[in-house]
Amino acid sequence: MAPPNPNAQRSSPTMMWDSTPLFQFGDMQEIIQNFVRVHVDAPGMEEGAAVFPLGYQYPSLDQLADMIPCILQYLNFSTIIGVGVGAGAYVLSRYALNHPDTVEGLVLINIDPNAKGWMDWAAHKLTGLTSSISEMILGHLFSQEELSGNSELIQKYRNIITHAPNLDNIELYWNSYNNRRDLNFERGGDITLKCPVMLVVGDQAPHEDAVVECNSKLDPTQTSFLKMADSGGQPQLTQPGKLTEAFKYFLQGMGYMASSCMTRLSRSRTASLTSAASIDGNRSRSRTLSQSSESGTLSSGPPGHTMEVSC
């Protein structure tokens, strides 16, 4: 856990689940300087973790979400801004549904809010008969085009996963993710995320359809949708600069980092951040963050902590 920055504004911690490489990106340092960041691993995912004994019952994603209140209580954090990828995005969403008053905002990358259907379950079982666990995870993380190209990034992650000393633990976590329950988001219903949300996915990514569907189920006045071109399955790895700028803009919309200047998105022709905002009941308009991002003009909100959680 990073010590509090005496020069940083404080009040809202940012929880980052499963996105460490993004927070190590150079341009993210401006955000980190304004928040206190805490990193927490899911069981058995930490560096040097011992392999769980045979028969160990790994927590469900719902149970992982239920662990968050204890973490916040221990750290004396009252509210969070969450950043999560894949399973981490699901866990933070489940937590936000159960504890909406403690979540100021969420950045959800590659979220799939749906439980696996019978066809998905059967396809998963058949794939497991012919593919190793490492190849199945790679197919979940990256697009087929990326895997076929076998770039340096793909080779790096294939080597990391294949030779991970805690691969058995990773498989247990992988199984928990594939056995997740449906979040049952419903636009206009009681089951929805009540805080500002930024959904992120790469164009042609394995999770593109799931994220698009998730966007259609959330409150359009609270939700921004960022589909990143040329970023593949892991935009936080392939386009960290553009994602960082979008994150800064998102924080500005919440009243933080008002003096931060947007530069990278204004030069980019590949990223757009859109959200629909409903007006007059049946009519709606679209709000877009594109190449013309301007420096922040929002009033400065209360200061914040940063909490980083990873699994």
C-alpha atoms as a PDB file:
ATOM      1  CA  MET A   1       0.000   0.000   0.000  1.00  0.00           C
ATOM      2  CA  ALA A   2       1.387   3.372  -0.980  1.00  0.00           C
ATOM      3  CA  PRO A   3       1.627   5.868   1.908  1.00  0.00           C
ATOM      4  CA  PRO A   4      -0.704   8.870   1.733  1.00  0.00           C
ATOM      5  CA  ASN A   5       0.694  11.705  -0.321  1.00  0.00           C
ATOM      6  CA  PRO A   6       0.622  14.791   1.956  1.00  0.00           C
ATOM      7  CA  ASN A   7       0.282  17.018  -1.104  1.00  0.00           C
ATOM      8  CA  ALA A   8      -2.524  14.990  -2.655  1.00  0.00           C
ATOM      9  CA  GLN A   9      -6.197  15.720  -2.297  1.00  0.00           C
ATOM     10  CA  ARG A  10      -8.005  13.113  -0.198  1.00  0.00           C
ATOM     11  CA  SER A  11     -11.436  11.682   0.269  1.00  0.00           C
ATOM     12  CA  SER A  12     -12.189   9.042  -2.306  1.00  0.00           C
ATOM     13  CA  PRO A  13      -9.924   6.004  -2.753  1.00  0.00           C
ATOM     14  CA  THR A  14      -9.507   4.489  -6.183  1.00  0.00           C
ATOM     15  CA  MET A  15      -9.618   0.713  -6.225  1.00  0.00           C
ATOM     16  CA  MET A  16      -7.804  -0.895  -9.128  1.00  0.00           C
ATOM     17  CA  TRP A  17      -8.564  -4.552  -9.719  1.00  0.00           C
ATOM     18  CA  ASP A  18      -6.470  -6.425 -12.244  1.00  0.00           C
ATOM     19  CA  SER A  19      -4.936  -3.432 -14.081  1.00  0.00           C
ATOM     20  CA  THR A  20      -1.420  -2.999 -12.710  1.00  0.00           C
ATOM     21  CA  PRO A  21       0.310  -2.379 -16.106  1.00  0.00           C
ATOM     22  CA  LEU A  22      -1.958   0.598 -16.770  1.00  0.00           C
ATOM     23  CA  PHE A  23      -1.022   2.253 -13.480  1.00  0.00           C
ATOM     24  CA  GLN A  24       2.660   1.755 -14.283  1.00  0.00           C
ATOM     25  CA  PHE A  25       2.313   3.746 -17.510  1.00  0.00           C
ATOM     26  CA  GLY A  26       4.190   7.044 -17.474  1.00  0.00           C
ATOM     27  CA  ASP A  27       1.226   9.332 -18.124  1.00  0.00           C
ATOM     28  CA  MET A  28      -0.675   7.701 -15.245  1.00  0.00           C
ATOM     29  CA  GLN A  29       1.738   9.252 -12.766  1.00  0.00           C
ATOM     30  CA  GLU A  30      -0.266  12.477 -12.799  1.00  0.00           C
ATOM     31  CA  ILE A  31      -3.279  10.515 -11.560  1.00  0.00           C
ATOM     32  CA  ILE A  32      -1.255   8.546  -9.027  1.00  0.00           C
ATOM     33  CA  GLN A  33       0.159  11.771  -7.590  1.00  0.00           C
ATOM     34  CA  ASN A  34      -3.374  12.898  -6.771  1.00  0.00           C
ATOM     35  CA  PHE A  35      -4.470   9.648  -5.156  1.00  0.00           C
ATOM     36  CA  VAL A  36      -3.179   7.071  -2.721  1.00  0.00           C
ATOM     37  CA  ARG A  37      -3.077   3.726  -4.519  1.00  0.00           C
ATOM     38  CA  VAL A  38      -3.542   0.374  -2.801  1.00  0.00           C
ATOM     39  CA  HIS A  39      -3.043  -2.969  -4.521  1.00  0.00           C
ATOM     40  CA  VAL A  40      -4.724  -6.172  -3.296  1.00  0.00           C
ATOM     41  CA  ASP A  41      -4.412  -9.586  -4.967  1.00  0.00           C
ATOM     42  CA  ALA A  42      -7.122 -12.217  -5.222  1.00  0.00           C
ATOM     43  CA  PRO A  43      -6.343 -15.397  -3.268  1.00  0.00           C
ATOM     44  CA  GLY A  44      -3.396 -17.264  -4.748  1.00  0.00           C
ATOM     45  CA  MET A  45      -2.651 -14.626  -7.399  1.00  0.00           C
ATOM     46  CA  GLU A  46       0.061 -12.768  -5.490  1.00  0.00           C
ATOM     47  CA  GLU A  47       3.710 -13.108  -6.442  1.00  0.00           C
ATOM     48  CA  GLY A  48       5.249 -16.161  -4.808  1.00  0.00           C
ATOM     49  CA  ALA A  49       1.862 -17.589  -3.827  1.00  0.00           C
ATOM     50  CA  ALA A  50       1.868 -21.195  -2.647  1.00  0.00           C
ATOM     51  CA  VAL A  51      -0.188 -23.631  -4.688  1.00  0.00           C
ATOM     52  CA  PHE A  52      -3.498 -24.446  -3.026  1.00  0.00           C
ATOM     53  CA  PRO A  53      -3.892 -28.060  -1.857  1.00  0.00           C
ATOM     54  CA  LEU A  54      -5.859 -30.539  -3.930  1.00  0.00           C
ATOM     55  CA  GLY A  55      -9.563 -30.088  -3.348  1.00  0.00           C
ATOM     56  CA  TYR A  56      -9.298 -26.453  -2.246  1.00  0.00           C
ATOM     57  CA  GLN A  57     -12.591 -24.605  -2.806  1.00  0.00           C
ATOM     58  CA  TYR A  58     -11.695 -21.349  -4.509  1.00  0.00           C
ATOM     59  CA  PRO A  59     -14.006 -18.385  -3.718  1.00  0.00           C
ATOM     60  CA  SER A  60     -16.688 -17.495  -6.217  1.00  0.00           C
ATOM     61  CA  LEU A  61     -16.588 -14.032  -7.766  1.00  0.00           C
ATOM     62  CA  ASP A  62     -19.494 -13.074  -5.514  1.00  0.00           C
ATOM     63  CA  GLN A  63     -17.467 -14.153  -2.490  1.00  0.00           C
ATOM     64  CA  LEU A  64     -14.510 -12.095  -3.708  1.00  0.00           C
ATOM     65  CA  ALA A  65     -16.816  -9.075  -3.901  1.00  0.00           C
ATOM     66  CA  ASP A  66     -17.923  -9.769  -0.328  1.00  0.00           C
ATOM     67  CA  MET A  67     -14.285  -9.465   0.807  1.00  0.00           C
ATOM     68  CA  ILE A  68     -14.016  -5.818  -0.264  1.00  0.00           C
ATOM     69  CA  PRO A  69     -15.864  -4.268   2.723  1.00  0.00           C
ATOM     70  CA  CYS A  70     -13.334  -5.806   5.115  1.00  0.00           C
ATOM     71  CA  ILE A  71     -10.488  -4.318   3.072  1.00  0.00           C
ATOM     72  CA  LEU A  72     -12.074  -0.871   3.098  1.00  0.00           C
ATOM     73  CA  GLN A  73     -12.785  -1.072   6.814  1.00  0.00           C
ATOM     74  CA  TYR A  74      -9.200  -2.095   7.551  1.00  0.00           C
ATOM     75  CA  LEU A  75      -7.858   0.822   5.482  1.00  0.00           C
ATOM     76  CA  ASN A  76     -10.500   3.216   6.807  1.00  0.00           C
ATOM     77  CA  PHE A  77     -11.735   4.117   3.320  1.00  0.00           C
ATOM     78  CA  SER A  78     -15.358   5.218   3.070  1.00  0.00           C
ATOM     79  CA  THR A  79     -15.740   5.406  -0.726  1.00  0.00           C
ATOM     80  CA  ILE A  80     -13.874   4.163  -3.800  1.00  0.00           C
ATOM     81  CA  ILE A  81     -13.422   4.682  -7.511  1.00  0.00           C
ATOM     82  CA  GLY A  82     -12.907   1.235  -9.027  1.00  0.00           C
ATOM     83  CA  VAL A  83     -10.881   0.210 -12.064  1.00  0.00           C
ATOM     84  CA  GLY A  84     -11.113  -3.426 -13.137  1.00  0.00           C
ATOM     85  CA  VAL A  85     -10.454  -5.720 -16.082  1.00  0.00           C
ATOM     86  CA  GLY A  86     -12.447  -8.847 -16.931  1.00  0.00           C
ATOM     87  CA  ALA A  87     -13.096 -10.773 -13.729  1.00  0.00           C
ATOM     88  CA  GLY A  88     -11.991  -7.757 -11.708  1.00  0.00           C
ATOM     89  CA  ALA A  89     -14.567  -5.592 -13.493  1.00  0.00           C
ATOM     90  CA  TYR A  90     -17.235  -8.150 -12.638  1.00  0.00           C
ATOM     91  CA  VAL A  91     -16.192  -8.294  -8.964  1.00  0.00           C
ATOM     92  CA  LEU A  92     -16.248  -4.501  -8.613  1.00  0.00           C
ATOM     93  CA  SER A  93     -19.645  -4.347 -10.330  1.00  0.00           C
ATOM     94  CA  ARG A  94     -21.067  -6.946  -7.958  1.00  0.00           C
ATOM     95  CA  TYR A  95     -19.660  -4.981  -5.029  1.00  0.00           C
ATOM     96  CA  ALA A  96     -21.175  -1.741  -6.382  1.00  0.00           C
ATOM     97  CA  LEU A  97     -24.591  -3.390  -6.645  1.00  0.00           C
ATOM     98  CA  ASN A  98     -24.384  -4.505  -3.017  1.00  0.00           C
ATOM     99  CA  HIS A  99     -22.803  -1.304  -1.640  1.00  0.00           C
ATOM    100  CA  PRO A 100     -23.773   1.561  -3.980  1.00  0.00           C
ATOM    101  CA  ASP A 101     -23.171   4.278  -1.379  1.00  0.00           C
ATOM    102  CA  THR A 102     -19.465   3.417  -1.164  1.00  0.00           C
ATOM    103  CA  VAL A 103     -18.680   3.589  -4.903  1.00  0.00           C
ATOM    104  CA  GLU A 104     -18.119   6.981  -6.529  1.00  0.00           C
ATOM    105  CA  GLY A 105     -17.288   5.649  -9.985  1.00  0.00           C
ATOM    106  CA  LEU A 106     -16.193   2.597 -11.977  1.00  0.00           C
ATOM    107  CA  VAL A 107     -13.923   2.052 -14.973  1.00  0.00           C
ATOM    108  CA  LEU A 108     -14.774  -1.409 -16.320  1.00  0.00           C
ATOM    109  CA  ILE A 109     -12.550  -2.906 -19.028  1.00  0.00           C
ATOM    110  CA  ASN A 110     -13.735  -6.010 -20.904  1.00  0.00           C
ATOM    111  CA  ILE A 111     -16.621  -6.667 -18.541  1.00  0.00           C
ATOM    112  CA  ASP A 112     -18.972  -9.561 -19.272  1.00  0.00           C
ATOM    113  CA  PRO A 113     -21.953  -9.206 -16.916  1.00  0.00           C
ATOM    114  CA  ASN A 114     -23.627 -12.366 -18.174  1.00  0.00           C
ATOM    115  CA  ALA A 115     -23.409 -15.897 -16.828  1.00  0.00           C
ATOM    116  CA  LYS A 116     -22.320 -18.494 -19.363  1.00  0.00           C
ATOM    117  CA  GLY A 117     -25.229 -20.082 -21.227  1.00  0.00           C
ATOM    118  CA  TRP A 118     -25.481 -23.767 -22.066  1.00  0.00           C
ATOM    119  CA  MET A 119     -23.901 -23.259 -25.490  1.00  0.00           C
ATOM    120  CA  ASP A 120     -21.021 -21.312 -23.961  1.00  0.00           C
ATOM    121  CA  TRP A 121     -20.599 -23.975 -21.287  1.00  0.00           C
ATOM    122  CA  ALA A 122     -20.514 -26.775 -23.878  1.00  0.00           C
ATOM    123  CA  ALA A 123     -18.032 -24.880 -26.064  1.00  0.00           C
ATOM    124  CA  HIS A 124     -15.839 -24.277 -23.020  1.00  0.00           C
ATOM    125  CA  LYS A 125     -15.856 -27.987 -22.131  1.00  0.00           C
ATOM    126  CA  LEU A 126     -15.027 -29.037 -25.700  1.00  0.00           C
ATOM    127  CA  THR A 127     -12.209 -26.515 -25.906  1.00  0.00           C
ATOM    128  CA  GLY A 128     -10.820 -27.860 -22.664  1.00  0.00           C
ATOM    129  CA  LEU A 129     -10.486 -31.304 -24.235  1.00  0.00           C
ATOM    130  CA  THR A 130      -8.151 -30.060 -26.951  1.00  0.00           C
ATOM    131  CA  SER A 131      -6.455 -26.981 -25.470  1.00  0.00           C
ATOM    132  CA  SER A 132      -4.263 -26.373 -22.449  1.00  0.00           C
ATOM    133  CA  ILE A 133      -5.416 -24.034 -19.699  1.00  0.00           C
ATOM    134  CA  SER A 134      -2.826 -21.470 -20.787  1.00  0.00           C
ATOM    135  CA  GLU A 135      -4.123 -21.464 -24.384  1.00  0.00           C
ATOM    136  CA  MET A 136      -7.709 -21.139 -23.158  1.00  0.00           C
ATOM    137  CA  ILE A 137      -6.798 -18.128 -21.051  1.00  0.00           C
ATOM    138  CA  LEU A 138      -4.891 -16.545 -23.930  1.00  0.00           C
ATOM    139  CA  GLY A 139      -7.952 -17.035 -26.137  1.00  0.00           C
ATOM    140  CA  HIS A 140      -9.978 -15.235 -23.499  1.00  0.00           C
ATOM    141  CA  LEU A 141      -7.530 -12.331 -23.243  1.00  0.00           C
ATOM    142  CA  PHE A 142      -6.679 -11.718 -26.890  1.00  0.00           C
ATOM    143  CA  SER A 143      -8.389 -11.813 -30.267  1.00  0.00           C
ATOM    144  CA  GLN A 144      -7.723 -14.586 -32.768  1.00  0.00           C
ATOM    145  CA  GLU A 145      -6.008 -12.062 -35.028  1.00  0.00           C
ATOM    146  CA  GLU A 146      -3.611 -11.160 -32.227  1.00  0.00           C
ATOM    147  CA  LEU A 147      -2.923 -14.802 -31.412  1.00  0.00           C
ATOM    148  CA  SER A 148      -2.267 -15.595 -35.082  1.00  0.00           C
ATOM    149  CA  GLY A 149       0.114 -12.655 -35.343  1.00  0.00           C
ATOM    150  CA  ASN A 150       2.046 -14.006 -32.346  1.00  0.00           C
ATOM    151  CA  SER A 151       3.400 -10.567 -31.462  1.00  0.00           C
ATOM    152  CA  GLU A 152       5.949  -9.923 -28.750  1.00  0.00           C
ATOM    153  CA  LEU A 153       3.073  -9.149 -26.370  1.00  0.00           C
ATOM    154  CA  ILE A 154       1.412 -12.517 -27.084  1.00  0.00           C
ATOM    155  CA  GLN A 155       4.699 -14.368 -26.660  1.00  0.00           C
ATOM    156  CA  LYS A 156       5.303 -12.568 -23.377  1.00  0.00           C
ATOM    157  CA  TYR A 157       1.931 -13.489 -21.902  1.00  0.00           C
ATOM    158  CA  ARG A 158       2.048 -17.031 -23.235  1.00  0.00           C
ATOM    159  CA  ASN A 159       5.368 -17.489 -21.468  1.00  0.00           C
ATOM    160  CA  ILE A 160       4.089 -15.861 -18.246  1.00  0.00           C
ATOM    161  CA  ILE A 161       0.972 -18.026 -18.071  1.00  0.00           C
ATOM    162  CA  THR A 162       2.554 -21.283 -19.238  1.00  0.00           C
ATOM    163  CA  HIS A 163       5.417 -21.073 -16.748  1.00  0.00           C
ATOM    164  CA  ALA A 164       3.509 -19.507 -13.868  1.00  0.00           C
ATOM    165  CA  PRO A 165       4.422 -21.411 -10.665  1.00  0.00           C
ATOM    166  CA  ASN A 166       0.864 -20.884  -9.428  1.00  0.00           C
ATOM    167  CA  LEU A 167      -0.825 -22.088 -12.637  1.00  0.00           C
ATOM    168  CA  ASP A 168      -3.027 -24.442 -10.618  1.00  0.00           C
ATOM    169  CA  ASN A 169      -4.286 -21.445  -8.644  1.00  0.00           C
ATOM    170  CA  ILE A 170      -4.878 -19.521 -11.849  1.00  0.00           C
ATOM    171  CA  GLU A 171      -6.962 -22.412 -13.158  1.00  0.00           C
ATOM    172  CA  LEU A 172      -9.119 -22.317 -10.012  1.00  0.00           C
ATOM    173  CA  TYR A 173      -9.656 -18.590 -10.478  1.00  0.00           C
ATOM    174  CA  TRP A 174     -10.407 -19.171 -14.168  1.00  0.00           C
ATOM    175  CA  ASN A 175     -13.059 -21.741 -13.233  1.00  0.00           C
ATOM    176  CA  SER A 176     -14.644 -19.311 -10.757  1.00  0.00           C
ATOM    177  CA  TYR A 177     -14.868 -16.708 -13.505  1.00  0.00           C
ATOM    178  CA  ASN A 178     -16.523 -19.158 -15.889  1.00  0.00           C
ATOM    179  CA  ASN A 179     -19.051 -20.090 -13.187  1.00  0.00           C
ATOM    180  CA  ARG A 180     -20.039 -16.482 -12.471  1.00  0.00           C
ATOM    181  CA  ARG A 181     -23.668 -15.529 -11.985  1.00  0.00           C
ATOM    182  CA  ASP A 182     -25.532 -13.070 -14.187  1.00  0.00           C
ATOM    183  CA  LEU A 183     -25.370  -9.525 -12.835  1.00  0.00           C
ATOM    184  CA  ASN A 184     -28.909  -8.990 -14.199  1.00  0.00           C
ATOM    185  CA  PHE A 185     -28.406  -5.352 -15.129  1.00  0.00           C
ATOM    186  CA  GLU A 186     -31.658  -3.746 -16.205  1.00  0.00           C
ATOM    187  CA  ARG A 187     -31.916  -0.272 -17.691  1.00  0.00           C
ATOM    188  CA  GLY A 188     -34.517   1.652 -15.750  1.00  0.00           C
ATOM    189  CA  GLY A 189     -34.818  -1.139 -13.193  1.00  0.00           C
ATOM    190  CA  ASP A 190     -33.681  -1.535  -9.617  1.00  0.00           C
ATOM    191  CA  ILE A 191     -30.620  -3.636 -10.496  1.00  0.00           C
ATOM    192  CA  THR A 192     -28.211  -1.172 -12.032  1.00  0.00           C
ATOM    193  CA  LEU A 193     -25.001   0.697 -11.292  1.00  0.00           C
ATOM    194  CA  LYS A 194     -25.903   4.004  -9.696  1.00  0.00           C
ATOM    195  CA  CYS A 195     -22.486   5.674 -10.030  1.00  0.00           C
ATOM    196  CA  PRO A 196     -20.731   7.110 -13.108  1.00  0.00           C
ATOM    197  CA  VAL A 197     -19.339   4.246 -15.218  1.00  0.00           C
ATOM    198  CA  MET A 198     -16.837   4.154 -18.073  1.00  0.00           C
ATOM    199  CA  LEU A 199     -16.996   0.966 -20.140  1.00  0.00           C
ATOM    200  CA  VAL A 200     -13.888   0.153 -22.190  1.00  0.00           C
ATOM    201  CA  VAL A 201     -13.292  -2.491 -24.863  1.00  0.00           C
ATOM    202  CA  GLY A 202     -11.041  -2.903 -27.882  1.00  0.00           C
ATOM    203  CA  ASP A 203     -12.509  -3.009 -31.375  1.00  0.00           C
ATOM    204  CA  GLN A 204     -12.827  -6.664 -32.474  1.00  0.00           C
ATOM    205  CA  ALA A 205     -11.874  -7.818 -28.955  1.00  0.00           C
ATOM    206  CA  PRO A 206     -13.256 -11.155 -27.658  1.00  0.00           C
ATOM    207  CA  HIS A 207     -15.417  -9.210 -25.191  1.00  0.00           C
ATOM    208  CA  GLU A 208     -16.745  -6.580 -27.589  1.00  0.00           C
ATOM    209  CA  ASP A 209     -20.302  -7.940 -27.845  1.00  0.00           C
ATOM    210  CA  ALA A 210     -20.562  -8.433 -24.074  1.00  0.00           C
ATOM    211  CA  VAL A 211     -19.458  -4.862 -23.334  1.00  0.00           C
ATOM    212  CA  VAL A 212     -21.808  -3.439 -25.985  1.00  0.00           C
ATOM    213  CA  GLU A 213     -24.669  -5.394 -24.408  1.00  0.00           C
ATOM    214  CA  CYS A 214     -23.652  -4.177 -20.951  1.00  0.00           C
ATOM    215  CA  ASN A 215     -23.742  -0.597 -22.222  1.00  0.00           C
ATOM    216  CA  SER A 216     -27.300  -1.132 -23.474  1.00  0.00           C
ATOM    217  CA  LYS A 217     -28.416  -2.235 -19.994  1.00  0.00           C
ATOM    218  CA  LEU A 218     -26.939   0.585 -17.906  1.00  0.00           C
ATOM    219  CA  ASP A 219     -28.260   4.080 -17.240  1.00  0.00           C
ATOM    220  CA  PRO A 220     -27.276   6.150 -20.308  1.00  0.00           C
ATOM    221  CA  THR A 221     -27.027   9.330 -18.222  1.00  0.00           C
ATOM    222  CA  GLN A 222     -24.358   7.725 -16.028  1.00  0.00           C
ATOM    223  CA  THR A 223     -22.502   5.553 -18.549  1.00  0.00           C
ATOM    224  CA  SER A 224     -19.735   6.376 -21.019  1.00  0.00           C
ATOM    225  CA  PHE A 225     -18.652   3.841 -23.631  1.00  0.00           C
ATOM    226  CA  LEU A 226     -15.128   3.775 -25.065  1.00  0.00           C
ATOM    227  CA  LYS A 227     -14.465   1.417 -27.971  1.00  0.00           C
ATOM    228  CA  MET A 228     -10.781   1.656 -28.820  1.00  0.00           C
ATOM    229  CA  ALA A 229      -9.619   0.970 -32.358  1.00  0.00           C
ATOM    230  CA  ASP A 230      -6.396  -0.928 -33.019  1.00  0.00           C
ATOM    231  CA  SER A 231      -6.125  -2.017 -29.399  1.00  0.00           C
ATOM    232  CA  GLY A 232      -6.993  -5.730 -29.514  1.00  0.00           C
ATOM    233  CA  GLY A 233      -8.229  -7.621 -26.501  1.00  0.00           C
ATOM    234  CA  GLN A 234      -6.272  -5.709 -23.845  1.00  0.00           C
ATOM    235  CA  PRO A 235      -6.471  -1.935 -24.490  1.00  0.00           C
ATOM    236  CA  GLN A 236      -4.798  -1.160 -21.158  1.00  0.00           C
ATOM    237  CA  LEU A 237      -1.698  -2.904 -22.532  1.00  0.00           C
ATOM    238  CA  THR A 238      -1.756  -1.829 -26.179  1.00  0.00           C
ATOM    239  CA  GLN A 239      -3.166   1.722 -25.901  1.00  0.00           C
ATOM    240  CA  PRO A 240      -2.338   2.883 -22.358  1.00  0.00           C
ATOM    241  CA  GLY A 241      -1.868   6.508 -23.398  1.00  0.00           C
ATOM    242  CA  LYS A 242      -5.311   6.895 -24.922  1.00  0.00           C
ATOM    243  CA  LEU A 243      -6.938   5.023 -22.056  1.00  0.00           C
ATOM    244  CA  THR A 244      -5.122   7.203 -19.520  1.00  0.00           C
ATOM    245  CA  GLU A 245      -6.450  10.354 -21.173  1.00  0.00           C
ATOM    246  CA  ALA A 246      -9.979   8.925 -21.138  1.00  0.00           C
ATOM    247  CA  PHE A 247      -9.541   8.051 -17.459  1.00  0.00           C
ATOM    248  CA  LYS A 248      -8.448  11.610 -16.681  1.00  0.00           C
ATOM    249  CA  TYR A 249     -11.488  12.970 -18.494  1.00  0.00           C
ATOM    250  CA  PHE A 250     -13.699  10.564 -16.520  1.00  0.00           C
ATOM    251  CA  LEU A 251     -12.203  11.767 -13.232  1.00  0.00           C
ATOM    252  CA  GLN A 252     -12.698  15.379 -14.293  1.00  0.00           C
ATOM    253  CA  GLY A 253     -16.372  14.636 -14.878  1.00  0.00           C
ATOM    254  CA  MET A 254     -16.516  13.534 -11.252  1.00  0.00           C
ATOM    255  CA  GLY A 255     -14.920  16.785 -10.064  1.00  0.00           C
ATOM    256  CA  TYR A 256     -11.325  15.576  -9.696  1.00  0.00           C
ATOM    257  CA  MET A 257      -8.133  16.770 -11.425  1.00  0.00           C
ATOM    258  CA  ALA A 258      -9.730  19.916 -12.795  1.00  0.00           C
ATOM    259  CA  SER A 259      -6.351  21.366 -13.803  1.00  0.00           C
ATOM    260  CA  SER A 260      -5.265  18.323 -15.832  1.00  0.00           C
ATOM    261  CA  CYS A 261      -4.713  19.088 -19.502  1.00  0.00           C
ATOM    262  CA  MET A 262      -5.934  16.616 -22.122  1.00  0.00           C
ATOM    263  CA  THR A 263      -3.452  16.160 -24.949  1.00  0.00           C
ATOM    264  CA  ARG A 264      -3.242  12.623 -26.266  1.00  0.00           C
ATOM    265  CA  LEU A 265      -6.914  12.183 -27.091  1.00  0.00           C
ATOM    266  CA  SER A 266      -6.965  15.482 -28.913  1.00  0.00           C
ATOM    267  CA  ARG A 267      -4.303  14.099 -31.260  1.00  0.00           C
ATOM    268  CA  SER A 268      -5.896  10.695 -31.604  1.00  0.00           C
ATOM    269  CA  ARG A 269      -8.106   9.730 -34.506  1.00  0.00           C
ATOM    270  CA  THR A 270      -8.825   6.274 -33.251  1.00  0.00           C
ATOM    271  CA  ALA A 271     -10.563   6.695 -29.908  1.00  0.00           C
ATOM    272  CA  SER A 272     -13.953   8.081 -29.086  1.00  0.00           C
ATOM    273  CA  LEU A 273     -15.800   8.089 -25.816  1.00  0.00           C
ATOM    274  CA  THR A 274     -19.573   8.240 -26.112  1.00  0.00           C
ATOM    275  CA  SER A 275     -22.424   8.086 -23.736  1.00  0.00           C
ATOM    276  CA  ALA A 276     -26.110   8.581 -24.289  1.00  0.00           C
ATOM    277  CA  ALA A 277     -27.867  11.002 -22.007  1.00  0.00           C
ATOM    278  CA  SER A 278     -31.646  10.826 -21.997  1.00  0.00           C
ATOM    279  CA  ILE A 279     -33.768  13.990 -22.007  1.00  0.00           C
ATOM    280  CA  ASP A 280     -37.488  14.656 -22.130  1.00  0.00           C
ATOM    281  CA  GLY A 281     -38.307  11.050 -21.320  1.00  0.00           C
ATOM    282  CA  ASN A 282     -38.531   9.562 -24.818  1.00  0.00           C
ATOM    283  CA  ARG A 283     -35.822  11.641 -26.465  1.00  0.00           C
ATOM    284  CA  SER A 284     -32.093  11.210 -25.998  1.00  0.00           C
ATOM    285  CA  ARG A 285     -28.853  12.803 -27.051  1.00  0.00           C
ATOM    286  CA  SER A 286     -25.312  11.512 -27.341  1.00  0.00           C
ATOM    287  CA  ARG A 287     -22.342  12.909 -25.463  1.00  0.00           C
ATOM    288  CA  THR A 288     -18.987  12.387 -27.166  1.00  0.00           C
ATOM    289  CA  LEU A 289     -15.380  12.755 -26.100  1.00  0.00           C
ATOM    290  CA  SER A 290     -13.301  12.656 -29.253  1.00  0.00           C
ATOM    291  CA  GLN A 291     -10.321  14.363 -30.802  1.00  0.00           C
ATOM    292  CA  SER A 292     -11.244  17.803 -29.474  1.00  0.00           C
ATOM    293  CA  SER A 293     -10.819  17.191 -25.742  1.00  0.00           C
ATOM    294  CA  GLU A 294     -10.049  20.377 -23.925  1.00  0.00           C
ATOM    295  CA  SER A 295      -8.316  21.102 -20.674  1.00  0.00           C
ATOM    296  CA  GLY A 296     -10.358  20.547 -17.576  1.00  0.00           C
ATOM    297  CA  THR A 297     -12.652  23.359 -16.502  1.00  0.00           C
ATOM    298  CA  LEU A 298     -14.616  21.590 -13.795  1.00  0.00           C
ATOM    299  CA  SER A 299     -14.505  22.900 -10.273  1.00  0.00           C
ATOM    300  CA  SER A 300     -12.182  21.010  -8.009  1.00  0.00           C
ATOM    301  CA  GLY A 301     -13.950  18.278  -6.079  1.00  0.00           C
ATOM    302  CA  PRO A 302     -12.986  16.847  -2.747  1.00  0.00           C
ATOM    303  CA  PRO A 303      -9.550  15.282  -2.573  1.00  0.00           C
ATOM    304  CA  GLY A 304      -9.057  11.509  -2.985  1.00  0.00           C
ATOM    305  CA  HIS A 305      -7.214   8.344  -2.004  1.00  0.00           C
ATOM    306  CA  THR A 306      -6.273   5.662  -4.494  1.00  0.00           C
ATOM    307  CA  MET A 307      -6.777   2.011  -3.778  1.00  0.00           C
ATOM    308  CA  GLU A 308      -5.464  -0.611  -6.150  1.00  0.00           C
ATOM    309  CA  VAL A 309      -6.855  -4.109  -6.019  1.00  0.00           C
ATOM    310  CA  SER A 310      -5.692  -6.839  -8.358  1.00  0.00           C
ATOM    311  CA  CYS A 311      -6.531 -10.437  -9.061  1.00  0.00           C
END
